[in-house]
Amino acid sequence: MLQYPGQGSETGSLRAPEVTETRSAGRLPRNPLFPGADPHAVVVGDAVWIYPTWSDGALDRFYAFVSTNLHHWQRHGPILRFDEVRWIGDDGAPRHYAWAPCVVHHEGRWFLYYSVGPQNPTPSRIGVAVADRPEGPFRDSGRPLLIGDATFEAIDPMVFRDPRSGRFFLYAGGSAGARLRVFELQPDLVSLAREIPVATPPRFTEGAFMHFWRGKYYLSYSHGSFRHASYSVHYATGDSPTGPWQYQGAILTSDATRKGPGHHAFFQHPRTGEWLIVYHRWENQMGDGPYRGSRQICIDRVEFEPDGRIRPVVMTGEEPTSRRFAP
């Protein structure tokens, strides 16, 4: 277990947060937090768990990061290794990459949905693994949850529980095909019940995320090429978790030196209820790309207009420097 500066062993209780009002979370962490990409966040009691694509070492496994103050993070894992998943090698590819995890807590169990790369020329695949604790270890279900084909890349899973119906939906797809598909999950959360036809929203590339706020469904996603300044977060809204969608615009875009922000997740601060966004970006970069090196995980505030629109997110962090996150 790797501890980042100042973090003890406390990981918070497993009770659900009880937020009665939204107020400022106070001082946010100094960005960037640690190397990684494609982060998903889960609030567990007073703790925030981040599950990213890990980009600082072996790429065929997943890790989890936890903090009770958003400033100091503790790494757990590997929580799942691909050499423990028996169907991974069925495509004949010489190596595989662990990408874009999403974690859901339901009825005392934790479900890890993940992408298996590469997706070309071999079929893209999404798997699901289950654990009794947020830090794992996770055990794979024994088969792929979803397999792509020539018209669809099975990547970037995101699972959302509809607070109105209690049903669980899987959002997946994107990149070269730039096609979004939505499925309802069976009650076991490790198999599909049915596909629900949806329209792919404008400027969708990958990394779909769904959240619900004050009667409205927010579908957000990444647009552009992830190694370039064009990579950004856009969103659309709807009156149901499957649309139809009304495109609202971009909310997270590159600035002078922080490039390609995207593949994000929204979450609420466990003590204040304030909305935050966790995402990755390239640090200390100039020009339009392509960029090289490791992307970095960051957290910033999310603010809503009175009519429910999301204001453009202001990226924060240190001035340009050669600093890396201390191990």
Protein backbone atom coordinates (compact mmCIF):
# COMPACT_ATOMS: atom_id res chain seq x y z
CA MET A 1 0.00 0.00 0.00
CA LEU A 2 1.47 3.36 -1.02
CA GLN A 3 0.73 6.43 1.08
CA TYR A 4 0.85 9.88 -0.44
CA PRO A 5 2.01 12.71 1.87
CA GLY A 6 0.08 13.17 5.12
CA GLN A 7 -2.49 10.41 4.63
CA GLY A 8 -3.03 7.97 7.48
CA SER A 9 -4.80 4.63 7.37
CA GLU A 10 -8.33 5.95 8.01
CA THR A 11 -10.60 5.31 5.03
CA GLY A 12 -13.96 6.35 6.43
CA SER A 13 -17.04 4.35 7.33
CA LEU A 14 -19.31 2.72 4.79
CA ARG A 15 -22.39 4.74 5.69
CA ALA A 16 -23.96 6.86 2.97
CA PRO A 17 -23.35 10.61 3.30
CA GLU A 18 -26.28 12.64 4.61
CA VAL A 19 -26.18 16.01 2.88
CA THR A 20 -28.92 18.46 3.84
CA GLU A 21 -27.56 21.55 2.11
CA THR A 22 -24.91 22.56 -0.39
CA ARG A 23 -22.16 24.87 0.81
CA SER A 24 -18.54 25.58 -0.03
CA ALA A 25 -16.09 22.76 0.55
CA GLY A 26 -13.47 25.34 1.52
CA ARG A 27 -9.93 25.03 0.24
CA LEU A 28 -9.64 22.48 -2.52
CA PRO A 29 -6.57 20.29 -3.03
CA ARG A 30 -3.58 21.64 -4.91
CA ASN A 31 -3.72 20.22 -8.42
CA PRO A 32 -2.50 17.92 -9.79
CA LEU A 33 -3.18 15.11 -7.30
CA PHE A 34 -1.32 12.13 -8.78
CA PRO A 35 -0.59 10.50 -12.16
CA GLY A 36 -3.50 8.85 -13.91
CA ALA A 37 -6.39 9.28 -16.31
CA ASP A 38 -10.11 8.53 -16.75
CA PRO A 39 -10.99 8.88 -13.04
CA HIS A 40 -14.24 7.74 -11.44
CA ALA A 41 -15.17 8.91 -7.92
CA VAL A 42 -17.28 7.25 -5.22
CA VAL A 43 -18.20 8.85 -1.88
CA VAL A 44 -18.17 6.45 1.08
CA GLY A 45 -19.01 8.09 4.38
CA ASP A 46 -16.47 10.90 4.86
CA ALA A 47 -14.09 9.42 2.29
CA VAL A 48 -13.75 9.92 -1.46
CA TRP A 49 -12.46 7.00 -3.50
CA ILE A 50 -10.95 7.63 -6.94
CA TYR A 51 -10.55 4.78 -9.44
CA PRO A 52 -8.39 5.84 -12.43
CA THR A 53 -6.59 4.42 -15.40
CA TRP A 54 -3.15 4.00 -13.82
CA SER A 55 -0.36 5.52 -15.91
CA ASP A 56 2.74 5.30 -13.71
CA GLY A 57 3.86 1.68 -13.99
CA ALA A 58 2.23 -1.59 -15.07
CA LEU A 59 -0.80 -0.85 -17.26
CA ASP A 60 -2.65 -4.17 -16.90
CA ARG A 61 -4.14 -3.53 -13.44
CA PHE A 62 -6.27 -1.12 -11.44
CA TYR A 63 -5.60 0.79 -8.23
CA ALA A 64 -7.87 2.73 -5.88
CA PHE A 65 -7.03 6.01 -4.13
CA VAL A 66 -8.82 7.23 -1.00
CA SER A 67 -8.85 10.48 0.98
CA THR A 68 -10.86 11.89 3.85
CA ASN A 69 -9.83 15.50 3.12
CA LEU A 70 -9.13 15.58 -0.66
CA HIS A 71 -5.57 16.75 0.05
CA HIS A 72 -3.77 13.53 0.98
CA TRP A 73 -4.34 10.28 -0.85
CA GLN A 74 -3.62 6.66 -0.05
CA ARG A 75 -3.21 4.07 -2.78
CA HIS A 76 -4.69 0.57 -2.49
CA GLY A 77 -4.04 -2.34 -4.77
CA PRO A 78 -3.72 -3.63 -7.30
CA ILE A 79 -7.44 -4.15 -6.79
CA LEU A 80 -7.72 -6.18 -10.02
CA ARG A 81 -4.99 -7.63 -12.25
CA PHE A 82 -5.66 -8.85 -15.76
CA ASP A 83 -3.68 -12.05 -15.18
CA GLU A 84 -6.52 -12.95 -12.78
CA VAL A 85 -9.21 -12.59 -15.49
CA ARG A 86 -9.41 -15.85 -17.42
CA TRP A 87 -11.09 -14.52 -20.57
CA ILE A 88 -8.67 -11.63 -21.16
CA GLY A 89 -6.46 -13.64 -23.53
CA ASP A 90 -9.32 -14.93 -25.68
CA ASP A 91 -8.67 -12.21 -28.27
CA GLY A 92 -5.10 -13.39 -28.89
CA ALA A 93 -3.56 -9.96 -28.32
CA PRO A 94 0.01 -10.10 -26.93
CA ARG A 95 -0.73 -7.56 -24.17
CA HIS A 96 -3.74 -5.84 -22.63
CA TYR A 97 -4.41 -2.51 -20.97
CA ALA A 98 -6.68 -1.66 -18.03
CA TRP A 99 -8.67 1.45 -18.91
CA ALA A 100 -11.47 3.68 -17.68
CA PRO A 101 -12.93 2.01 -14.56
CA CYS A 102 -16.30 2.79 -12.98
CA VAL A 103 -17.26 1.56 -9.50
CA VAL A 104 -20.77 1.21 -8.06
CA HIS A 105 -21.80 0.28 -4.50
CA HIS A 106 -25.05 -1.67 -4.15
CA GLU A 107 -26.46 -3.84 -1.35
CA GLY A 108 -23.13 -4.27 0.39
CA ARG A 109 -21.12 -5.17 -2.70
CA TRP A 110 -18.84 -3.18 -4.98
CA PHE A 111 -18.96 -3.56 -8.76
CA LEU A 112 -15.96 -2.58 -10.90
CA TYR A 113 -16.74 -2.03 -14.59
CA TYR A 114 -13.70 -1.66 -16.83
CA SER A 115 -12.43 -1.43 -20.40
CA VAL A 116 -9.95 -3.89 -21.90
CA GLY A 117 -7.53 -2.52 -24.46
CA PRO A 118 -6.41 -2.66 -27.17
CA GLN A 119 -9.65 -2.35 -29.13
CA ASN A 120 -8.12 -2.47 -32.60
CA PRO A 121 -7.68 -4.83 -34.41
CA THR A 122 -9.06 -7.06 -31.62
CA PRO A 123 -12.65 -6.60 -30.38
CA SER A 124 -13.15 -4.04 -27.63
CA ARG A 125 -14.53 -5.48 -24.40
CA ILE A 126 -16.02 -4.35 -21.09
CA GLY A 127 -15.76 -6.52 -17.99
CA VAL A 128 -17.19 -6.40 -14.48
CA ALA A 129 -15.70 -7.62 -11.20
CA VAL A 130 -17.16 -7.73 -7.68
CA ALA A 131 -15.77 -7.14 -4.18
CA ASP A 132 -16.99 -6.82 -0.60
CA ARG A 133 -14.96 -3.67 0.06
CA PRO A 134 -14.13 -0.54 -1.96
CA GLU A 135 -10.41 -1.42 -1.89
CA GLY A 136 -11.08 -4.94 -3.18
CA PRO A 137 -9.80 -7.40 -4.03
CA PHE A 138 -12.22 -7.63 -6.95
CA ARG A 139 -13.10 -10.95 -8.59
CA ASP A 140 -14.13 -10.96 -12.22
CA SER A 141 -17.60 -12.24 -13.12
CA GLY A 142 -16.12 -14.83 -15.49
CA ARG A 143 -17.14 -13.38 -18.85
CA PRO A 144 -17.22 -10.06 -20.72
CA LEU A 145 -20.22 -7.89 -20.01
CA LEU A 146 -20.15 -6.30 -23.47
CA ILE A 147 -18.14 -6.98 -26.65
CA GLY A 148 -17.70 -4.46 -29.45
CA ASP A 149 -17.88 -4.98 -33.18
CA ALA A 150 -17.11 -3.13 -36.41
CA THR A 151 -19.74 -0.47 -35.68
CA PHE A 152 -19.23 0.01 -31.95
CA GLU A 153 -16.30 0.24 -29.54
CA ALA A 154 -17.16 -1.27 -26.16
CA ILE A 155 -15.17 1.17 -24.03
CA ASP A 156 -15.60 3.64 -21.16
CA PRO A 157 -18.34 2.01 -19.07
CA MET A 158 -20.35 4.22 -16.74
CA VAL A 159 -23.11 2.78 -14.54
CA PHE A 160 -25.82 5.05 -13.15
CA ARG A 161 -28.63 4.26 -10.73
CA ASP A 162 -31.74 6.24 -11.61
CA PRO A 163 -33.01 7.75 -8.33
CA ARG A 164 -36.56 7.83 -9.68
CA SER A 165 -36.92 4.23 -10.85
CA GLY A 166 -34.11 2.48 -8.97
CA ARG A 167 -32.95 0.89 -12.23
CA PHE A 168 -29.28 0.69 -13.24
CA PHE A 169 -28.11 1.83 -16.66
CA LEU A 170 -24.80 1.18 -18.43
CA TYR A 171 -23.48 3.92 -20.74
CA ALA A 172 -20.64 2.87 -23.05
CA GLY A 173 -18.88 3.55 -26.33
CA GLY A 174 -17.11 6.24 -28.27
CA SER A 175 -13.69 7.11 -29.73
CA ALA A 176 -13.25 6.36 -33.44
CA GLY A 177 -16.85 5.20 -33.80
CA ALA A 178 -18.11 7.99 -31.53
CA ARG A 179 -21.31 6.08 -30.84
CA LEU A 180 -23.07 6.02 -27.47
CA ARG A 181 -25.11 2.99 -26.40
CA VAL A 182 -27.18 2.53 -23.24
CA PHE A 183 -28.24 -0.73 -21.60
CA GLU A 184 -30.35 -1.56 -18.58
CA LEU A 185 -28.60 -3.97 -16.23
CA GLN A 186 -30.11 -7.05 -14.63
CA PRO A 187 -30.61 -6.87 -10.84
CA ASP A 188 -27.37 -8.84 -10.39
CA LEU A 189 -25.49 -5.89 -12.03
CA VAL A 190 -23.17 -8.31 -13.87
CA SER A 191 -25.38 -8.99 -16.91
CA LEU A 192 -27.41 -6.98 -19.40
CA ALA A 193 -31.21 -6.89 -19.39
CA ARG A 194 -31.83 -4.96 -22.61
CA GLU A 195 -30.50 -2.23 -24.84
CA ILE A 196 -32.34 1.10 -24.91
CA PRO A 197 -32.01 2.98 -28.22
CA VAL A 198 -30.62 6.48 -27.65
CA ALA A 199 -29.34 9.31 -29.80
CA THR A 200 -25.63 10.07 -29.61
CA PRO A 201 -25.40 13.70 -28.41
CA PRO A 202 -23.53 16.42 -30.34
CA ARG A 203 -19.72 16.43 -30.02
CA PHE A 204 -19.65 13.10 -28.25
CA THR A 205 -16.33 11.27 -28.48
CA GLU A 206 -16.07 9.09 -25.35
CA GLY A 207 -16.20 8.99 -21.56
CA ALA A 208 -19.93 9.37 -20.88
CA PHE A 209 -21.00 10.31 -17.34
CA MET A 210 -24.55 10.66 -15.99
CA HIS A 211 -25.71 12.46 -12.87
CA PHE A 212 -29.04 13.74 -11.57
CA TRP A 213 -29.60 17.14 -9.96
CA ARG A 214 -32.80 18.95 -9.05
CA GLY A 215 -35.06 17.04 -11.39
CA LYS A 216 -32.74 17.06 -14.41
CA TYR A 217 -30.49 14.38 -15.92
CA TYR A 218 -27.03 15.58 -16.97
CA LEU A 219 -25.17 13.55 -19.59
CA SER A 220 -21.58 14.79 -19.84
CA TYR A 221 -18.80 13.40 -22.02
CA SER A 222 -15.43 14.08 -23.63
CA HIS A 223 -14.91 15.51 -27.10
CA GLY A 224 -11.79 15.49 -29.27
CA SER A 225 -8.49 13.62 -29.31
CA PHE A 226 -7.12 12.96 -25.82
CA ARG A 227 -3.54 13.88 -26.77
CA HIS A 228 -4.57 17.29 -28.09
CA ALA A 229 -5.81 20.62 -26.76
CA SER A 230 -9.18 19.97 -28.39
CA TYR A 231 -10.00 17.36 -25.74
CA SER A 232 -12.71 18.85 -23.55
CA VAL A 233 -15.88 18.12 -21.57
CA HIS A 234 -19.33 18.91 -22.97
CA TYR A 235 -22.79 18.13 -21.68
CA ALA A 236 -26.44 17.73 -22.56
CA THR A 237 -29.55 17.52 -20.40
CA GLY A 238 -32.72 15.49 -20.50
CA ASP A 239 -35.86 14.59 -18.59
CA SER A 240 -34.96 10.90 -18.43
CA PRO A 241 -31.70 8.93 -18.14
CA THR A 242 -32.01 7.91 -21.79
CA GLY A 243 -32.86 11.29 -23.34
CA PRO A 244 -33.80 12.88 -25.61
CA TRP A 245 -30.83 15.19 -25.06
CA GLN A 246 -30.58 18.95 -25.31
CA TYR A 247 -26.99 19.97 -25.98
CA GLN A 248 -25.75 22.66 -23.58
CA GLY A 249 -22.12 23.27 -24.57
CA ALA A 250 -18.58 22.88 -23.27
CA ILE A 251 -17.78 23.22 -19.56
CA LEU A 252 -14.10 22.18 -19.31
CA THR A 253 -11.53 23.24 -21.92
CA SER A 254 -7.78 23.75 -22.25
CA ASP A 255 -6.05 26.91 -21.03
CA ALA A 256 -2.55 28.27 -21.70
CA THR A 257 -0.61 25.39 -20.09
CA ARG A 258 -3.21 22.88 -18.83
CA LYS A 259 -4.28 20.89 -21.84
CA GLY A 260 -6.81 18.28 -22.84
CA PRO A 261 -8.96 18.16 -19.68
CA GLY A 262 -11.49 15.36 -19.82
CA HIS A 263 -12.77 11.88 -19.04
CA HIS A 264 -14.26 13.02 -15.79
CA ALA A 265 -16.73 12.23 -13.03
CA PHE A 266 -18.94 14.49 -10.95
CA PHE A 267 -19.37 13.90 -7.22
CA GLN A 268 -20.60 15.77 -4.16
CA HIS A 269 -18.32 16.67 -1.27
CA PRO A 270 -19.16 14.17 1.50
CA ARG A 271 -19.57 16.82 4.20
CA THR A 272 -20.84 19.91 2.37
CA GLY A 273 -22.68 18.54 -0.67
CA GLU A 274 -20.79 20.90 -2.98
CA TRP A 275 -20.46 19.55 -6.52
CA LEU A 276 -16.92 18.77 -7.68
CA ILE A 277 -15.43 17.35 -10.86
CA VAL A 278 -12.50 14.94 -11.01
CA TYR A 279 -10.77 14.66 -14.39
CA HIS A 280 -7.39 14.25 -16.05
CA ARG A 281 -5.29 16.79 -17.93
CA TRP A 282 -1.82 17.34 -19.34
CA GLU A 283 0.33 19.66 -17.21
CA ASN A 284 2.83 22.30 -18.37
CA GLN A 285 2.14 21.89 -22.09
CA MET A 286 2.28 24.39 -24.93
CA GLY A 287 0.66 24.30 -28.33
CA ASP A 288 -2.11 22.08 -29.64
CA GLY A 289 -0.38 18.69 -29.19
CA PRO A 290 0.09 15.80 -29.50
CA TYR A 291 1.30 15.60 -25.90
CA ARG A 292 3.48 12.89 -24.38
CA GLY A 293 4.09 11.65 -20.85
CA SER A 294 1.62 11.01 -18.04
CA ARG A 295 -1.73 12.66 -17.60
CA GLN A 296 -2.57 13.92 -14.12
CA ILE A 297 -5.67 13.63 -11.91
CA CYS A 298 -7.24 16.93 -10.77
CA ILE A 299 -10.29 18.13 -8.83
CA ASP A 300 -12.10 21.44 -9.29
CA ARG A 301 -15.37 23.07 -8.32
CA VAL A 302 -18.62 22.83 -10.27
CA GLU A 303 -21.10 25.70 -10.10
CA PHE A 304 -24.66 25.83 -11.42
CA GLU A 305 -26.62 28.78 -12.75
CA PRO A 306 -30.05 29.38 -11.18
CA ASP A 307 -31.67 27.72 -14.21
CA GLY A 308 -29.56 24.57 -13.73
CA ARG A 309 -26.95 25.18 -16.43
CA ILE A 310 -23.37 24.30 -15.49
CA ARG A 311 -20.94 27.20 -15.50
CA PRO A 312 -17.59 26.70 -17.27
CA VAL A 313 -15.20 25.02 -14.84
CA VAL A 314 -12.15 27.05 -13.80
CA MET A 315 -9.08 24.84 -13.65
CA THR A 316 -6.82 25.46 -10.68
CA GLY A 317 -3.28 24.43 -9.82
CA GLU A 318 0.28 25.56 -9.52
CA GLU A 319 2.02 27.77 -12.03
CA PRO A 320 4.00 25.87 -14.69
CA THR A 321 6.78 23.81 -13.11
CA SER A 322 8.57 20.52 -13.51
CA ARG A 323 6.99 19.23 -10.28
CA ARG A 324 5.80 15.63 -10.17
CA PHE A 325 3.56 14.18 -7.49
CA ALA A 326 5.79 12.80 -4.73
CA PRO A 327 5.69 9.02 -4.23
